[in-house]
Amino acid sequence: MAVDRETGELLEDASIRTPSQVAAFRNRINRDLGYDSQRLFVVTFHKALITVLRKMTLTQAGVIMRLLPHIKHKESGRIDLSAAEIAETVGKSRKHSDDALNALCELGVLRKERISGRVAYFAEPAFHTHGVTVPTRKKFTKTYKDGVSTLMADVPLETAGFVYKLQPFVHKDLCFISKHADVDVEGGNYDIGIMTVAEMSDAIGVDVSTVKRHLRECRKAGVMIRMTTLNREGYVVHPDLLLRQDHRNRRVQTIRDIFGTLDGE
């Protein structure tokens, strides 16, 4: 018996002999490490995003959030839309869309090139990659393309930008918006610093009333829920949209079940 070439699973009395079996097995390991189904998500790197977080407007952040599902797989981050199609996708006039794209290029989130006489936009790899294995030393959030297309479909563009800006603050295990997003709770340390509305406001550079408005939109759309843990109330992001773990992680599955229960009410 050998390795299943499609799934990478070791069959009974398995041995790895051929290059195709080796490739399948490596892909299987990658999936088990949380890099599963790379075509399904786009990676956002925290280090780069934090440098521009407070500089970009919610509209500009909303534009890049709407464009993430359109980054082509393993093709230098090219966005598979023309400038006119981008304007239609983000729901803005061509002028306002172009202004936002130019601002994102100035911030270094995007770049534009002229190819065959037409302008093409690319996500800069310091900010976003798609279909590329990510070094484990880097901090990142996975944004699921289907989550953007479904959960975010009916939210205002600025609300999409609000969620985009919060990515570095999604706790890696519990999905709460938190100050200490990298604290490992497996050892029993739940001091993750659940963010208040005022702390969110300060972190992403928008006023408190705007944060409250977009939190309402997120709850209405099922993007976030409000939960209490250890006598602290906070907001949890749907793991089908933003996630820093493997989808099969037991904590993540519990959170997904909670969202599923609310969807059924």
C-alpha atoms as a PDB file:
ATOM      1  CA  MET A   1       0.000   0.000   0.000  1.00  0.00           C
ATOM      2  CA  ALA A   2       1.101   3.627  -0.451  1.00  0.00           C
ATOM      3  CA  VAL A   3       0.011   7.254  -0.240  1.00  0.00           C
ATOM      4  CA  ASP A   4      -3.293   8.424  -1.667  1.00  0.00           C
ATOM      5  CA  ARG A   5      -2.186  10.825  -4.418  1.00  0.00           C
ATOM      6  CA  GLU A   6      -5.251  13.054  -4.082  1.00  0.00           C
ATOM      7  CA  THR A   7      -5.571  13.389  -0.294  1.00  0.00           C
ATOM      8  CA  GLY A   8      -2.014  12.689   0.826  1.00  0.00           C
ATOM      9  CA  GLU A   9      -3.275  10.209   3.417  1.00  0.00           C
ATOM     10  CA  LEU A  10      -1.066   7.319   4.407  1.00  0.00           C
ATOM     11  CA  LEU A  11      -2.794   4.071   3.579  1.00  0.00           C
ATOM     12  CA  GLU A  12      -2.345   0.863   5.553  1.00  0.00           C
ATOM     13  CA  ASP A  13       1.282  -0.399   5.519  1.00  0.00           C
ATOM     14  CA  ALA A  14       2.115   2.789   3.629  1.00  0.00           C
ATOM     15  CA  SER A  15       5.409   3.708   2.079  1.00  0.00           C
ATOM     16  CA  ILE A  16       6.339   6.801   0.078  1.00  0.00           C
ATOM     17  CA  ARG A  17       8.143   6.067  -3.152  1.00  0.00           C
ATOM     18  CA  THR A  18       7.197   8.320  -6.079  1.00  0.00           C
ATOM     19  CA  PRO A  19       7.529  12.135  -6.435  1.00  0.00           C
ATOM     20  CA  SER A  20       3.742  12.470  -6.708  1.00  0.00           C
ATOM     21  CA  GLN A  21       3.316  10.593  -3.417  1.00  0.00           C
ATOM     22  CA  VAL A  22       5.892  12.825  -1.726  1.00  0.00           C
ATOM     23  CA  ALA A  23       4.102  15.954  -2.992  1.00  0.00           C
ATOM     24  CA  ALA A  24       0.729  14.686  -1.812  1.00  0.00           C
ATOM     25  CA  PHE A  25       2.117  13.833   1.623  1.00  0.00           C
ATOM     26  CA  ARG A  26       3.722  17.280   1.978  1.00  0.00           C
ATOM     27  CA  ASN A  27       0.426  18.922   1.046  1.00  0.00           C
ATOM     28  CA  ARG A  28      -1.300  16.803   3.677  1.00  0.00           C
ATOM     29  CA  ILE A  29       1.171  17.990   6.324  1.00  0.00           C
ATOM     30  CA  ASN A  30       0.605  21.612   5.293  1.00  0.00           C
ATOM     31  CA  ARG A  31      -3.156  21.193   5.686  1.00  0.00           C
ATOM     32  CA  ASP A  32      -2.674  19.719   9.147  1.00  0.00           C
ATOM     33  CA  LEU A  33      -0.526  22.715  10.113  1.00  0.00           C
ATOM     34  CA  GLY A  34      -3.359  25.098   9.305  1.00  0.00           C
ATOM     35  CA  TYR A  35      -2.340  25.993   5.767  1.00  0.00           C
ATOM     36  CA  ASP A  36      -5.166  23.845   4.429  1.00  0.00           C
ATOM     37  CA  SER A  37      -7.071  24.710   1.263  1.00  0.00           C
ATOM     38  CA  GLN A  38      -4.889  27.668   0.392  1.00  0.00           C
ATOM     39  CA  ARG A  39      -7.138  28.594  -2.497  1.00  0.00           C
ATOM     40  CA  LEU A  40      -9.866  29.395   0.031  1.00  0.00           C
ATOM     41  CA  PHE A  41      -8.187  32.231   1.896  1.00  0.00           C
ATOM     42  CA  VAL A  42      -5.920  35.246   1.540  1.00  0.00           C
ATOM     43  CA  VAL A  43      -3.238  35.925   4.145  1.00  0.00           C
ATOM     44  CA  THR A  44      -2.929  39.350   5.767  1.00  0.00           C
ATOM     45  CA  PHE A  45       0.405  40.014   7.495  1.00  0.00           C
ATOM     46  CA  HIS A  46       0.088  41.958  10.746  1.00  0.00           C
ATOM     47  CA  LYS A  47       3.475  43.677  10.716  1.00  0.00           C
ATOM     48  CA  ALA A  48       2.792  45.519   7.464  1.00  0.00           C
ATOM     49  CA  LEU A  49      -0.858  46.261   8.199  1.00  0.00           C
ATOM     50  CA  ILE A  50      -0.121  47.834  11.588  1.00  0.00           C
ATOM     51  CA  THR A  51       2.183  50.389   9.923  1.00  0.00           C
ATOM     52  CA  VAL A  52      -0.693  51.834   7.854  1.00  0.00           C
ATOM     53  CA  LEU A  53      -3.673  50.959  10.045  1.00  0.00           C
ATOM     54  CA  ARG A  54      -4.387  54.464  11.288  1.00  0.00           C
ATOM     55  CA  LYS A  55      -3.453  56.132   7.991  1.00  0.00           C
ATOM     56  CA  MET A  56      -6.055  54.482   5.767  1.00  0.00           C
ATOM     57  CA  THR A  57      -9.684  55.523   5.797  1.00  0.00           C
ATOM     58  CA  LEU A  58     -12.463  53.021   6.364  1.00  0.00           C
ATOM     59  CA  THR A  59     -13.443  53.413   2.718  1.00  0.00           C
ATOM     60  CA  GLN A  60      -9.924  52.586   1.537  1.00  0.00           C
ATOM     61  CA  ALA A  61      -9.779  49.609   3.921  1.00  0.00           C
ATOM     62  CA  GLY A  62     -13.184  48.501   2.663  1.00  0.00           C
ATOM     63  CA  VAL A  63     -11.961  48.569  -0.929  1.00  0.00           C
ATOM     64  CA  ILE A  64      -9.045  46.230  -0.215  1.00  0.00           C
ATOM     65  CA  MET A  65     -11.305  43.946   1.849  1.00  0.00           C
ATOM     66  CA  ARG A  66     -13.722  43.650  -1.084  1.00  0.00           C
ATOM     67  CA  LEU A  67     -10.826  42.910  -3.435  1.00  0.00           C
ATOM     68  CA  LEU A  68      -9.237  40.091  -1.414  1.00  0.00           C
ATOM     69  CA  PRO A  69     -11.415  37.367  -2.998  1.00  0.00           C
ATOM     70  CA  HIS A  70     -10.232  38.518  -6.423  1.00  0.00           C
ATOM     71  CA  ILE A  71      -6.505  38.055  -5.851  1.00  0.00           C
ATOM     72  CA  LYS A  72      -5.412  35.391  -8.318  1.00  0.00           C
ATOM     73  CA  HIS A  73      -3.912  32.206  -6.937  1.00  0.00           C
ATOM     74  CA  LYS A  74      -0.100  32.231  -7.010  1.00  0.00           C
ATOM     75  CA  GLU A  75       0.093  34.928  -9.670  1.00  0.00           C
ATOM     76  CA  SER A  76       2.075  37.691  -7.985  1.00  0.00           C
ATOM     77  CA  GLY A  77      -1.006  38.968  -6.188  1.00  0.00           C
ATOM     78  CA  ARG A  78      -2.708  40.271  -9.316  1.00  0.00           C
ATOM     79  CA  ILE A  79      -6.303  41.358  -8.768  1.00  0.00           C
ATOM     80  CA  ASP A  80      -8.380  39.719 -11.455  1.00  0.00           C
ATOM     81  CA  LEU A  81     -10.561  42.769 -12.154  1.00  0.00           C
ATOM     82  CA  SER A  82     -10.279  45.797 -14.404  1.00  0.00           C
ATOM     83  CA  ALA A  83     -10.499  49.283 -12.896  1.00  0.00           C
ATOM     84  CA  ALA A  84     -14.132  49.515 -14.043  1.00  0.00           C
ATOM     85  CA  GLU A  85     -14.939  46.118 -12.518  1.00  0.00           C
ATOM     86  CA  ILE A  86     -13.298  47.155  -9.251  1.00  0.00           C
ATOM     87  CA  ALA A  87     -15.540  50.230  -9.076  1.00  0.00           C
ATOM     88  CA  GLU A  88     -18.581  48.012  -9.604  1.00  0.00           C
ATOM     89  CA  THR A  89     -17.379  45.483  -7.020  1.00  0.00           C
ATOM     90  CA  VAL A  90     -16.878  48.097  -4.297  1.00  0.00           C
ATOM     91  CA  GLY A  91     -20.035  50.005  -5.185  1.00  0.00           C
ATOM     92  CA  LYS A  92     -18.375  53.344  -5.888  1.00  0.00           C
ATOM     93  CA  SER A  93     -18.149  55.656  -8.878  1.00  0.00           C
ATOM     94  CA  ARG A  94     -15.109  55.149 -11.056  1.00  0.00           C
ATOM     95  CA  LYS A  95     -13.547  58.378  -9.751  1.00  0.00           C
ATOM     96  CA  HIS A  96     -14.034  57.523  -6.077  1.00  0.00           C
ATOM     97  CA  SER A  97     -12.838  53.968  -6.665  1.00  0.00           C
ATOM     98  CA  ASP A  98      -9.725  55.177  -8.499  1.00  0.00           C
ATOM     99  CA  ASP A  99      -9.014  57.669  -5.689  1.00  0.00           C
ATOM    100  CA  ALA A 100      -9.157  54.864  -3.115  1.00  0.00           C
ATOM    101  CA  LEU A 101      -6.939  52.612  -5.253  1.00  0.00           C
ATOM    102  CA  ASN A 102      -4.371  55.394  -5.686  1.00  0.00           C
ATOM    103  CA  ALA A 103      -4.347  55.971  -1.934  1.00  0.00           C
ATOM    104  CA  LEU A 104      -3.807  52.246  -1.314  1.00  0.00           C
ATOM    105  CA  CYS A 105      -0.907  52.310  -3.775  1.00  0.00           C
ATOM    106  CA  GLU A 106       0.622  55.283  -1.941  1.00  0.00           C
ATOM    107  CA  LEU A 107       0.322  53.359   1.332  1.00  0.00           C
ATOM    108  CA  GLY A 108       2.079  50.396  -0.239  1.00  0.00           C
ATOM    109  CA  VAL A 109      -0.827  47.987   0.132  1.00  0.00           C
ATOM    110  CA  LEU A 110      -1.310  47.778  -3.640  1.00  0.00           C
ATOM    111  CA  ARG A 111       0.764  48.568  -6.688  1.00  0.00           C
ATOM    112  CA  LYS A 112      -0.346  49.221 -10.235  1.00  0.00           C
ATOM    113  CA  GLU A 113       1.251  48.361 -13.532  1.00  0.00           C
ATOM    114  CA  ARG A 114       0.289  48.944 -17.127  1.00  0.00           C
ATOM    115  CA  ILE A 115      -0.048  45.660 -18.991  1.00  0.00           C
ATOM    116  CA  SER A 116      -0.991  45.591 -22.667  1.00  0.00           C
ATOM    117  CA  GLY A 117      -2.142  49.191 -22.404  1.00  0.00           C
ATOM    118  CA  ARG A 118      -4.414  48.577 -19.380  1.00  0.00           C
ATOM    119  CA  VAL A 119      -3.885  49.303 -15.709  1.00  0.00           C
ATOM    120  CA  ALA A 120      -3.620  46.218 -13.510  1.00  0.00           C
ATOM    121  CA  TYR A 121      -3.525  46.186  -9.708  1.00  0.00           C
ATOM    122  CA  PHE A 122      -1.507  43.835  -7.513  1.00  0.00           C
ATOM    123  CA  ALA A 123      -1.567  43.139  -3.773  1.00  0.00           C
ATOM    124  CA  GLU A 124       1.886  43.744  -2.341  1.00  0.00           C
ATOM    125  CA  PRO A 125       3.250  40.514  -0.810  1.00  0.00           C
ATOM    126  CA  ALA A 126       4.317  42.332   2.370  1.00  0.00           C
ATOM    127  CA  PHE A 127       0.594  42.804   3.060  1.00  0.00           C
ATOM    128  CA  HIS A 128      -1.204  39.918   1.352  1.00  0.00           C
ATOM    129  CA  THR A 129      -0.444  36.583  -0.257  1.00  0.00           C
ATOM    130  CA  HIS A 130      -2.678  33.916  -1.737  1.00  0.00           C
ATOM    131  CA  GLY A 131      -1.805  30.277  -2.272  1.00  0.00           C
ATOM    132  CA  VAL A 132       1.698  30.564  -0.827  1.00  0.00           C
ATOM    133  CA  THR A 133       2.856  28.670   2.280  1.00  0.00           C
ATOM    134  CA  VAL A 134       3.483  31.196   5.057  1.00  0.00           C
ATOM    135  CA  PRO A 135       6.555  31.024   7.317  1.00  0.00           C
ATOM    136  CA  THR A 136       5.407  30.060  10.816  1.00  0.00           C
ATOM    137  CA  ARG A 137       7.405  32.900  12.394  1.00  0.00           C
ATOM    138  CA  LYS A 138       5.177  35.518  10.772  1.00  0.00           C
ATOM    139  CA  LYS A 139       1.967  36.723  12.404  1.00  0.00           C
ATOM    140  CA  PHE A 140      -0.960  36.694  10.042  1.00  0.00           C
ATOM    141  CA  THR A 141      -4.719  36.345   9.733  1.00  0.00           C
ATOM    142  CA  LYS A 142      -6.467  34.213   7.132  1.00  0.00           C
ATOM    143  CA  THR A 143      -9.347  36.000   5.408  1.00  0.00           C
ATOM    144  CA  TYR A 144     -11.652  33.428   3.839  1.00  0.00           C
ATOM    145  CA  LYS A 145     -12.831  34.394   0.369  1.00  0.00           C
ATOM    146  CA  ASP A 146     -16.266  32.813   0.785  1.00  0.00           C
ATOM    147  CA  GLY A 147     -16.657  34.657   4.085  1.00  0.00           C
ATOM    148  CA  VAL A 148     -16.047  37.997   2.364  1.00  0.00           C
ATOM    149  CA  SER A 149     -18.456  37.075  -0.434  1.00  0.00           C
ATOM    150  CA  THR A 150     -21.251  35.859   1.881  1.00  0.00           C
ATOM    151  CA  LEU A 151     -20.996  37.258   5.422  1.00  0.00           C
ATOM    152  CA  MET A 152     -19.802  40.640   4.144  1.00  0.00           C
ATOM    153  CA  ALA A 153     -22.010  40.779   1.069  1.00  0.00           C
ATOM    154  CA  ASP A 154     -24.588  43.192   2.457  1.00  0.00           C
ATOM    155  CA  VAL A 155     -22.542  45.280   4.876  1.00  0.00           C
ATOM    156  CA  PRO A 156     -21.599  48.854   3.932  1.00  0.00           C
ATOM    157  CA  LEU A 157     -18.168  49.362   2.400  1.00  0.00           C
ATOM    158  CA  GLU A 158     -16.940  51.221   5.490  1.00  0.00           C
ATOM    159  CA  THR A 159     -18.036  48.325   7.715  1.00  0.00           C
ATOM    160  CA  ALA A 160     -15.972  45.991   5.547  1.00  0.00           C
ATOM    161  CA  GLY A 161     -13.064  48.382   6.117  1.00  0.00           C
ATOM    162  CA  PHE A 162     -13.705  48.377   9.862  1.00  0.00           C
ATOM    163  CA  VAL A 163     -13.394  44.575   9.922  1.00  0.00           C
ATOM    164  CA  TYR A 164     -10.278  44.704   7.732  1.00  0.00           C
ATOM    165  CA  LYS A 165      -8.573  47.053  10.197  1.00  0.00           C
ATOM    166  CA  LEU A 166      -9.297  44.752  13.137  1.00  0.00           C
ATOM    167  CA  GLN A 167      -7.394  41.765  11.731  1.00  0.00           C
ATOM    168  CA  PRO A 168      -4.246  42.099  13.911  1.00  0.00           C
ATOM    169  CA  PHE A 169      -6.445  42.128  17.017  1.00  0.00           C
ATOM    170  CA  VAL A 170      -8.323  38.856  16.446  1.00  0.00           C
ATOM    171  CA  HIS A 171      -7.225  36.505  19.209  1.00  0.00           C
ATOM    172  CA  LYS A 172      -5.447  33.477  17.792  1.00  0.00           C
ATOM    173  CA  ASP A 173      -7.470  30.942  19.814  1.00  0.00           C
ATOM    174  CA  LEU A 174     -10.717  32.580  20.918  1.00  0.00           C
ATOM    175  CA  CYS A 175     -11.466  35.005  18.020  1.00  0.00           C
ATOM    176  CA  PHE A 176     -12.201  37.847  20.464  1.00  0.00           C
ATOM    177  CA  ILE A 177     -11.068  41.325  19.464  1.00  0.00           C
ATOM    178  CA  SER A 178      -8.297  41.736  22.004  1.00  0.00           C
ATOM    179  CA  LYS A 179      -5.198  43.669  22.998  1.00  0.00           C
ATOM    180  CA  HIS A 180      -3.145  40.523  23.613  1.00  0.00           C
ATOM    181  CA  ALA A 181      -4.122  38.569  20.524  1.00  0.00           C
ATOM    182  CA  ASP A 182      -1.167  36.180  20.745  1.00  0.00           C
ATOM    183  CA  VAL A 183      -1.620  34.989  24.346  1.00  0.00           C
ATOM    184  CA  ASP A 184      -1.730  31.190  24.421  1.00  0.00           C
ATOM    185  CA  VAL A 185      -4.786  30.142  26.447  1.00  0.00           C
ATOM    186  CA  GLU A 186      -3.898  26.448  26.403  1.00  0.00           C
ATOM    187  CA  GLY A 187      -1.949  26.917  29.636  1.00  0.00           C
ATOM    188  CA  GLY A 188      -4.945  28.495  31.351  1.00  0.00           C
ATOM    189  CA  ASN A 189      -3.945  32.135  30.828  1.00  0.00           C
ATOM    190  CA  TYR A 190      -7.116  33.894  29.703  1.00  0.00           C
ATOM    191  CA  ASP A 191      -5.785  37.411  30.205  1.00  0.00           C
ATOM    192  CA  ILE A 192      -6.215  38.260  26.534  1.00  0.00           C
ATOM    193  CA  GLY A 193      -7.199  41.888  27.095  1.00  0.00           C
ATOM    194  CA  ILE A 194     -10.626  41.886  25.493  1.00  0.00           C
ATOM    195  CA  MET A 195     -10.943  45.260  23.814  1.00  0.00           C
ATOM    196  CA  THR A 196     -13.511  47.820  24.827  1.00  0.00           C
ATOM    197  CA  VAL A 197     -15.140  50.042  22.228  1.00  0.00           C
ATOM    198  CA  ALA A 198     -12.845  52.891  23.269  1.00  0.00           C
ATOM    199  CA  GLU A 199      -9.768  50.672  22.846  1.00  0.00           C
ATOM    200  CA  MET A 200     -10.908  49.598  19.387  1.00  0.00           C
ATOM    201  CA  SER A 201     -11.373  53.253  18.512  1.00  0.00           C
ATOM    202  CA  ASP A 202      -7.826  54.084  19.574  1.00  0.00           C
ATOM    203  CA  ALA A 203      -6.309  51.009  17.896  1.00  0.00           C
ATOM    204  CA  ILE A 204      -7.717  51.635  14.420  1.00  0.00           C
ATOM    205  CA  GLY A 205      -7.990  55.421  14.464  1.00  0.00           C
ATOM    206  CA  VAL A 206     -11.729  56.069  14.266  1.00  0.00           C
ATOM    207  CA  ASP A 207     -14.078  57.709  16.771  1.00  0.00           C
ATOM    208  CA  VAL A 208     -16.126  55.760  19.317  1.00  0.00           C
ATOM    209  CA  SER A 209     -19.499  56.483  17.713  1.00  0.00           C
ATOM    210  CA  THR A 210     -18.215  55.113  14.387  1.00  0.00           C
ATOM    211  CA  VAL A 211     -16.948  51.948  16.088  1.00  0.00           C
ATOM    212  CA  LYS A 212     -20.353  51.428  17.715  1.00  0.00           C
ATOM    213  CA  ARG A 213     -22.141  51.906  14.400  1.00  0.00           C
ATOM    214  CA  HIS A 214     -20.008  49.352  12.608  1.00  0.00           C
ATOM    215  CA  LEU A 215     -20.235  46.861  15.475  1.00  0.00           C
ATOM    216  CA  ARG A 216     -24.029  47.048  15.102  1.00  0.00           C
ATOM    217  CA  GLU A 217     -23.691  46.382  11.371  1.00  0.00           C
ATOM    218  CA  CYS A 218     -21.378  43.438  12.054  1.00  0.00           C
ATOM    219  CA  ARG A 219     -23.766  41.891  14.551  1.00  0.00           C
ATOM    220  CA  LYS A 220     -26.707  42.360  12.222  1.00  0.00           C
ATOM    221  CA  ALA A 221     -24.840  40.603   9.399  1.00  0.00           C
ATOM    222  CA  GLY A 222     -23.619  37.753  11.605  1.00  0.00           C
ATOM    223  CA  VAL A 223     -19.994  38.812  11.201  1.00  0.00           C
ATOM    224  CA  MET A 224     -19.570  39.258  14.963  1.00  0.00           C
ATOM    225  CA  ILE A 225     -21.342  38.334  18.153  1.00  0.00           C
ATOM    226  CA  ARG A 226     -21.117  39.907  21.592  1.00  0.00           C
ATOM    227  CA  MET A 227     -20.030  37.479  24.297  1.00  0.00           C
ATOM    228  CA  THR A 228     -18.959  37.569  27.941  1.00  0.00           C
ATOM    229  CA  THR A 229     -16.047  35.618  29.362  1.00  0.00           C
ATOM    230  CA  LEU A 230     -14.460  36.001  32.814  1.00  0.00           C
ATOM    231  CA  ASN A 231     -16.857  38.886  33.498  1.00  0.00           C
ATOM    232  CA  ARG A 232     -15.607  40.827  30.474  1.00  0.00           C
ATOM    233  CA  GLU A 233     -17.899  41.536  27.552  1.00  0.00           C
ATOM    234  CA  GLY A 234     -16.395  41.638  24.093  1.00  0.00           C
ATOM    235  CA  TYR A 235     -16.828  40.898  20.416  1.00  0.00           C
ATOM    236  CA  VAL A 236     -16.017  37.630  18.657  1.00  0.00           C
ATOM    237  CA  VAL A 237     -15.399  37.482  14.894  1.00  0.00           C
ATOM    238  CA  HIS A 238     -16.911  34.687  12.827  1.00  0.00           C
ATOM    239  CA  PRO A 239     -14.098  32.186  12.093  1.00  0.00           C
ATOM    240  CA  ASP A 240     -15.532  31.594   8.622  1.00  0.00           C
ATOM    241  CA  LEU A 241     -14.379  35.135   7.840  1.00  0.00           C
ATOM    242  CA  LEU A 242     -11.198  35.781   9.834  1.00  0.00           C
ATOM    243  CA  LEU A 243      -9.125  33.059  11.418  1.00  0.00           C
ATOM    244  CA  ARG A 244      -5.623  32.459  12.734  1.00  0.00           C
ATOM    245  CA  GLN A 245      -5.987  28.709  13.330  1.00  0.00           C
ATOM    246  CA  ASP A 246      -6.812  25.530  11.472  1.00  0.00           C
ATOM    247  CA  HIS A 247     -10.562  25.301  10.832  1.00  0.00           C
ATOM    248  CA  ARG A 248     -10.583  21.894  12.536  1.00  0.00           C
ATOM    249  CA  ASN A 249      -9.218  23.250  15.823  1.00  0.00           C
ATOM    250  CA  ARG A 250     -11.668  22.284  18.600  1.00  0.00           C
ATOM    251  CA  ARG A 251     -11.959  25.829  19.976  1.00  0.00           C
ATOM    252  CA  VAL A 252     -12.672  27.179  16.509  1.00  0.00           C
ATOM    253  CA  GLN A 253     -15.338  24.530  15.964  1.00  0.00           C
ATOM    254  CA  THR A 254     -17.004  25.518  19.243  1.00  0.00           C
ATOM    255  CA  ILE A 255     -17.119  29.151  18.122  1.00  0.00           C
ATOM    256  CA  ARG A 256     -18.515  28.144  14.745  1.00  0.00           C
ATOM    257  CA  ASP A 257     -21.201  26.123  16.531  1.00  0.00           C
ATOM    258  CA  ILE A 258     -22.189  29.182  18.578  1.00  0.00           C
ATOM    259  CA  PHE A 259     -22.566  31.263  15.436  1.00  0.00           C
ATOM    260  CA  GLY A 260     -24.528  28.413  13.839  1.00  0.00           C
ATOM    261  CA  THR A 261     -26.913  28.293  16.801  1.00  0.00           C
ATOM    262  CA  LEU A 262     -27.553  32.018  16.507  1.00  0.00           C
ATOM    263  CA  ASP A 263     -28.124  31.712  12.755  1.00  0.00           C
ATOM    264  CA  GLY A 264     -30.844  29.177  13.481  1.00  0.00           C
ATOM    265  CA  GLU A 265     -32.754  31.387  15.894  1.00  0.00           C
END
